[in-house]
Amino acid sequence: MNATIRVLAKVKADKALEANNRPRRHVGLRIPGWRIPQWPSLTRYWASTKIQLFITRDEDAPITAEQLLEPCEGERTEAGMRANIRVASAVH
């Protein structure tokens, strides 16, 4: 099995996991910088849900602005910074 097929299999499994994560299932197939097929086997999971306006986040744990601004734990490296820049560049 070549690398592309292995990657696509992992992406498909991940998207199936997202689709089955009810009630907060993710309905998109977007991966920044990469166009992937809209697999018919996955569309059945969200065929009846075109948008996620029904998710109100009323049941989410409370979080404050201070918590959102706290720095992440762990080592900060040049490689990590470069990876973040590449991801951010692909999104926009």
C-alpha atoms as a PDB file:
ATOM      1  CA  MET A   1       0.000   0.000   0.000  1.00  0.00           C
ATOM      2  CA  ASN A   2       1.562   3.304  -1.007  1.00  0.00           C
ATOM      3  CA  ALA A   3       1.768   6.359   1.228  1.00  0.00           C
ATOM      4  CA  THR A   4      -1.105   8.227  -0.452  1.00  0.00           C
ATOM      5  CA  ILE A   5      -3.518   5.348   0.041  1.00  0.00           C
ATOM      6  CA  ARG A   6      -2.467   5.008   3.699  1.00  0.00           C
ATOM      7  CA  VAL A   7      -2.986   8.732   4.308  1.00  0.00           C
ATOM      8  CA  LEU A   8      -6.395   8.729   2.612  1.00  0.00           C
ATOM      9  CA  ALA A   9      -7.444   5.726   4.715  1.00  0.00           C
ATOM     10  CA  LYS A  10      -6.440   7.572   7.899  1.00  0.00           C
ATOM     11  CA  VAL A  11      -8.281  10.728   6.807  1.00  0.00           C
ATOM     12  CA  LYS A  12     -11.386   8.716   5.961  1.00  0.00           C
ATOM     13  CA  ALA A  13     -11.304   7.009   9.375  1.00  0.00           C
ATOM     14  CA  ASP A  14     -10.864  10.380  11.101  1.00  0.00           C
ATOM     15  CA  LYS A  15     -13.790  11.913   9.221  1.00  0.00           C
ATOM     16  CA  ALA A  16     -15.992   8.920  10.092  1.00  0.00           C
ATOM     17  CA  LEU A  17     -15.066   9.440  13.753  1.00  0.00           C
ATOM     18  CA  GLU A  18     -16.014  13.127  13.483  1.00  0.00           C
ATOM     19  CA  ALA A  19     -19.292  12.285  11.771  1.00  0.00           C
ATOM     20  CA  ASN A  20     -20.207   9.793  14.495  1.00  0.00           C
ATOM     21  CA  ASN A  21     -19.387  12.225  17.311  1.00  0.00           C
ATOM     22  CA  ARG A  22     -23.011  13.115  17.920  1.00  0.00           C
ATOM     23  CA  PRO A  23     -24.504  15.532  18.829  1.00  0.00           C
ATOM     24  CA  ARG A  24     -21.491  17.718  18.117  1.00  0.00           C
ATOM     25  CA  ARG A  25     -20.487  16.026  14.908  1.00  0.00           C
ATOM     26  CA  HIS A  26     -18.305  17.908  12.509  1.00  0.00           C
ATOM     27  CA  VAL A  27     -19.933  18.168   9.096  1.00  0.00           C
ATOM     28  CA  GLY A  28     -16.993  19.365   7.027  1.00  0.00           C
ATOM     29  CA  LEU A  29     -14.293  17.590   5.115  1.00  0.00           C
ATOM     30  CA  ARG A  30     -11.892  20.534   4.976  1.00  0.00           C
ATOM     31  CA  ILE A  31      -8.197  20.003   5.451  1.00  0.00           C
ATOM     32  CA  PRO A  32      -6.193  23.222   4.960  1.00  0.00           C
ATOM     33  CA  GLY A  33      -4.326  23.223   1.676  1.00  0.00           C
ATOM     34  CA  TRP A  34      -5.710  19.882   0.544  1.00  0.00           C
ATOM     35  CA  ARG A  35      -8.808  18.934  -1.403  1.00  0.00           C
ATOM     36  CA  ILE A  36     -10.124  15.475  -0.636  1.00  0.00           C
ATOM     37  CA  PRO A  37     -13.039  13.569  -2.110  1.00  0.00           C
ATOM     38  CA  GLN A  38     -16.518  13.818  -0.648  1.00  0.00           C
ATOM     39  CA  TRP A  39     -16.815  10.124   0.171  1.00  0.00           C
ATOM     40  CA  PRO A  40     -20.366   8.853  -0.366  1.00  0.00           C
ATOM     41  CA  SER A  41     -19.911   6.476   2.564  1.00  0.00           C
ATOM     42  CA  LEU A  42     -19.477   9.459   4.897  1.00  0.00           C
ATOM     43  CA  THR A  43     -22.182  11.748   3.534  1.00  0.00           C
ATOM     44  CA  ARG A  44     -24.892   9.536   5.047  1.00  0.00           C
ATOM     45  CA  TYR A  45     -23.757  10.692   8.486  1.00  0.00           C
ATOM     46  CA  TRP A  46     -24.596  14.324   7.856  1.00  0.00           C
ATOM     47  CA  ALA A  47     -27.008  14.256   4.921  1.00  0.00           C
ATOM     48  CA  SER A  48     -29.790  15.649   7.104  1.00  0.00           C
ATOM     49  CA  THR A  49     -27.590  18.277   8.763  1.00  0.00           C
ATOM     50  CA  LYS A  50     -26.376  20.976   6.392  1.00  0.00           C
ATOM     51  CA  ILE A  51     -25.315  23.480   9.044  1.00  0.00           C
ATOM     52  CA  GLN A  52     -24.547  23.354  12.747  1.00  0.00           C
ATOM     53  CA  LEU A  53     -26.764  26.165  14.007  1.00  0.00           C
ATOM     54  CA  PHE A  54     -28.478  23.696  16.341  1.00  0.00           C
ATOM     55  CA  ILE A  55     -25.290  23.501  18.435  1.00  0.00           C
ATOM     56  CA  THR A  56     -25.682  26.181  21.101  1.00  0.00           C
ATOM     57  CA  ARG A  57     -22.676  25.339  23.309  1.00  0.00           C
ATOM     58  CA  ASP A  58     -24.914  25.784  26.378  1.00  0.00           C
ATOM     59  CA  GLU A  59     -23.575  22.534  27.818  1.00  0.00           C
ATOM     60  CA  ASP A  60     -19.889  23.303  27.315  1.00  0.00           C
ATOM     61  CA  ALA A  61     -17.673  23.845  30.331  1.00  0.00           C
ATOM     62  CA  PRO A  62     -17.345  27.524  31.222  1.00  0.00           C
ATOM     63  CA  ILE A  63     -14.102  29.189  30.145  1.00  0.00           C
ATOM     64  CA  THR A  64     -12.799  32.674  30.821  1.00  0.00           C
ATOM     65  CA  ALA A  65     -10.849  35.079  28.638  1.00  0.00           C
ATOM     66  CA  GLU A  66      -7.896  34.672  30.984  1.00  0.00           C
ATOM     67  CA  GLN A  67      -7.893  30.915  30.404  1.00  0.00           C
ATOM     68  CA  LEU A  68      -7.934  31.420  26.645  1.00  0.00           C
ATOM     69  CA  LEU A  69      -4.940  33.738  26.887  1.00  0.00           C
ATOM     70  CA  GLU A  70      -2.824  31.432  29.060  1.00  0.00           C
ATOM     71  CA  PRO A  71       0.245  30.146  27.211  1.00  0.00           C
ATOM     72  CA  CYS A  72       0.339  26.460  26.354  1.00  0.00           C
ATOM     73  CA  GLU A  73       2.549  24.137  28.340  1.00  0.00           C
ATOM     74  CA  GLY A  74       5.507  22.439  26.731  1.00  0.00           C
ATOM     75  CA  GLU A  75       8.692  23.308  24.957  1.00  0.00           C
ATOM     76  CA  ARG A  76       8.705  25.984  22.284  1.00  0.00           C
ATOM     77  CA  THR A  77      10.965  25.172  19.367  1.00  0.00           C
ATOM     78  CA  GLU A  78      11.844  26.693  16.033  1.00  0.00           C
ATOM     79  CA  ALA A  79      10.513  23.571  14.304  1.00  0.00           C
ATOM     80  CA  GLY A  80       7.195  23.932  16.118  1.00  0.00           C
ATOM     81  CA  MET A  81       6.951  27.609  15.216  1.00  0.00           C
ATOM     82  CA  ARG A  82       7.702  26.871  11.561  1.00  0.00           C
ATOM     83  CA  ALA A  83       5.044  24.139  11.519  1.00  0.00           C
ATOM     84  CA  ASN A  84       2.466  26.552  12.968  1.00  0.00           C
ATOM     85  CA  ILE A  85       3.346  29.176  10.363  1.00  0.00           C
ATOM     86  CA  ARG A  86       2.957  26.622   7.547  1.00  0.00           C
ATOM     87  CA  VAL A  87      -0.462  25.567   8.857  1.00  0.00           C
ATOM     88  CA  ALA A  88      -1.621  29.173   9.285  1.00  0.00           C
ATOM     89  CA  SER A  89      -0.396  30.063   5.800  1.00  0.00           C
ATOM     90  CA  ALA A  90      -2.320  27.160   4.268  1.00  0.00           C
ATOM     91  CA  VAL A  91      -5.559  28.167   5.988  1.00  0.00           C
ATOM     92  CA  HIS A  92      -5.599  31.746   4.731  1.00  0.00           C
END
